[in-house]
Every structure is written in structure tokens, then in C-alpha cells.
């Protein structure tokens, strides 16, 4: 299972971090810590895995 997560700081376009091949646990931790409007997660697999 592959996931692609892109995080962006609100109000800026210059601070964008991209993480490839992150684990389900990493995605869950980021979702817990990060406001939803700052994070985009693309799951390259069943969303039920999250």
C-alpha cells in the first residue's frame, strides 16, 4: 500500500513538504496533529486501510 501526503503551511505557498510511501501509522499521526486544511493525503489503495 502506498500513500502520498503533501503538507502546506496556511498562508504560504513556499513551504510545501511532500512525503512518499508513508505508512498508515504515519498518516494517522499527521491527521491527528495537523489541521485538516493544511494537509492533503492521496491514498494509492483502499481508503478503508486508513
N, C-alpha and C. Protein backbone atom coordinates (compact mmCIF):
# COMPACT_ATOMS: atom_id res chain seq x y z
N UNK A 1 0.84 -1.19 0.00
CA UNK A 1 0.00 0.00 0.00
C UNK A 1 0.87 1.24 0.00
N UNK A 2 0.60 2.16 -0.89
CA UNK A 2 1.36 3.41 -0.96
C UNK A 2 0.45 4.58 -0.64
N UNK A 3 1.01 5.55 0.05
CA UNK A 3 0.29 6.79 0.33
C UNK A 3 1.19 7.96 -0.01
N UNK A 4 0.60 9.02 -0.50
CA UNK A 4 1.34 10.25 -0.79
C UNK A 4 0.70 11.35 0.03
N UNK A 5 1.49 12.03 0.85
CA UNK A 5 0.98 13.11 1.69
C UNK A 5 1.70 14.40 1.34
N UNK A 6 0.94 15.46 1.20
CA UNK A 6 1.52 16.79 0.97
C UNK A 6 1.00 17.72 2.04
N UNK A 7 1.89 18.36 2.77
CA UNK A 7 1.50 19.28 3.83
C UNK A 7 1.90 20.69 3.44
N UNK A 8 1.02 21.65 3.70
CA UNK A 8 1.30 23.04 3.35
C UNK A 8 0.94 23.94 4.53
N UNK A 9 1.80 24.89 4.83
CA UNK A 9 1.52 25.86 5.88
C UNK A 9 0.49 26.87 5.37
N UNK A 10 -0.48 27.17 6.19
CA UNK A 10 -1.52 28.12 5.80
C UNK A 10 -0.92 29.48 5.46
N UNK A 11 -1.41 30.08 4.39
CA UNK A 11 -1.00 31.43 4.04
C UNK A 11 0.30 31.52 3.26
N UNK A 12 0.95 30.39 3.03
CA UNK A 12 2.20 30.43 2.26
C UNK A 12 2.17 29.35 1.20
N UNK A 13 2.82 29.64 0.11
CA UNK A 13 2.96 28.64 -0.95
C UNK A 13 4.38 28.11 -1.03
N UNK A 14 5.27 28.69 -0.23
CA UNK A 14 6.67 28.31 -0.35
C UNK A 14 7.07 27.19 0.60
N UNK A 15 6.21 26.87 1.57
CA UNK A 15 6.56 25.79 2.50
C UNK A 15 5.64 24.61 2.23
N UNK A 16 6.06 23.77 1.31
CA UNK A 16 5.30 22.58 0.95
C UNK A 16 6.21 21.38 1.13
N UNK A 17 5.74 20.42 1.88
CA UNK A 17 6.53 19.20 2.09
C UNK A 17 5.78 18.03 1.50
N UNK A 18 6.52 17.19 0.83
CA UNK A 18 5.92 16.03 0.17
C UNK A 18 6.57 14.78 0.74
N UNK A 19 5.73 13.83 1.10
CA UNK A 19 6.21 12.57 1.67
C UNK A 19 5.65 11.44 0.83
N UNK A 20 6.51 10.58 0.34
CA UNK A 20 6.06 9.46 -0.46
C UNK A 20 6.26 8.16 0.30
N UNK A 21 5.40 7.19 -0.02
CA UNK A 21 5.48 5.87 0.59
C UNK A 21 5.43 5.93 2.11
N UNK A 22 4.53 6.76 2.62
CA UNK A 22 4.36 6.84 4.07
C UNK A 22 3.50 5.68 4.54
N UNK A 23 3.63 5.34 5.81
CA UNK A 23 2.86 4.23 6.35
C UNK A 23 1.50 4.72 6.84
N UNK A 24 0.60 3.77 7.05
CA UNK A 24 -0.72 4.10 7.59
C UNK A 24 -0.57 4.80 8.94
N UNK A 25 0.34 4.31 9.77
CA UNK A 25 0.54 4.90 11.09
C UNK A 25 1.02 6.35 10.99
N UNK A 26 1.90 6.62 10.03
CA UNK A 26 2.38 7.99 9.85
C UNK A 26 1.25 8.91 9.38
N UNK A 27 0.41 8.43 8.48
CA UNK A 27 -0.71 9.23 8.01
C UNK A 27 -1.67 9.53 9.15
N UNK A 28 -1.96 8.52 9.97
CA UNK A 28 -2.86 8.71 11.10
C UNK A 28 -2.29 9.72 12.10
N UNK A 29 -1.00 9.67 12.35
CA UNK A 29 -0.38 10.59 13.29
C UNK A 29 -0.42 12.02 12.76
N UNK A 30 -0.15 12.20 11.47
CA UNK A 30 -0.21 13.54 10.89
C UNK A 30 -1.63 14.08 10.93
N UNK A 31 -2.60 13.24 10.62
CA UNK A 31 -4.00 13.68 10.68
C UNK A 31 -4.39 14.09 12.09
N UNK A 32 -3.84 13.42 13.08
CA UNK A 32 -4.15 13.74 14.47
C UNK A 32 -3.54 15.08 14.87
N UNK A 33 -2.34 15.38 14.37
CA UNK A 33 -1.60 16.56 14.80
C UNK A 33 -1.86 17.79 13.94
N UNK A 34 -2.28 17.60 12.71
CA UNK A 34 -2.31 18.70 11.74
C UNK A 34 -3.75 19.06 11.39
N UNK A 35 -4.08 20.36 11.41
CA UNK A 35 -5.42 20.78 10.96
C UNK A 35 -5.69 20.30 9.54
N UNK A 36 -6.91 19.90 9.30
CA UNK A 36 -7.25 19.29 8.02
C UNK A 36 -6.99 20.19 6.82
N UNK A 37 -7.08 21.51 6.99
CA UNK A 37 -6.88 22.39 5.84
C UNK A 37 -5.41 22.59 5.50
N UNK A 38 -4.54 21.95 6.23
CA UNK A 38 -3.11 22.07 5.94
C UNK A 38 -2.55 20.80 5.30
N UNK A 39 -3.37 19.80 5.11
CA UNK A 39 -2.83 18.51 4.69
C UNK A 39 -3.65 17.92 3.57
N UNK A 40 -2.95 17.41 2.57
CA UNK A 40 -3.60 16.63 1.51
C UNK A 40 -2.97 15.25 1.52
N UNK A 41 -3.80 14.22 1.57
CA UNK A 41 -3.29 12.86 1.54
C UNK A 41 -3.93 12.14 0.36
N UNK A 42 -3.11 11.55 -0.47
CA UNK A 42 -3.60 10.75 -1.58
C UNK A 42 -3.24 9.30 -1.27
N UNK A 43 -4.26 8.47 -1.16
CA UNK A 43 -4.03 7.06 -0.88
C UNK A 43 -4.05 6.29 -2.19
N UNK A 44 -2.98 5.61 -2.46
CA UNK A 44 -2.89 4.80 -3.68
C UNK A 44 -3.29 3.37 -3.32
N UNK A 45 -4.51 3.26 -2.83
CA UNK A 45 -5.04 1.99 -2.39
C UNK A 45 -6.37 2.23 -1.70
N UNK A 46 -6.96 1.20 -1.13
CA UNK A 46 -8.27 1.34 -0.49
C UNK A 46 -8.24 2.33 0.67
N UNK A 47 -9.16 3.28 0.67
CA UNK A 47 -9.21 4.26 1.75
C UNK A 47 -9.56 3.60 3.07
N UNK A 48 -10.16 2.43 3.03
CA UNK A 48 -10.51 1.72 4.26
C UNK A 48 -9.28 1.32 5.05
N UNK A 49 -8.12 1.28 4.40
CA UNK A 49 -6.88 0.96 5.10
C UNK A 49 -6.48 2.03 6.09
N UNK A 50 -6.97 3.26 5.91
CA UNK A 50 -6.66 4.34 6.84
C UNK A 50 -7.47 4.19 8.09
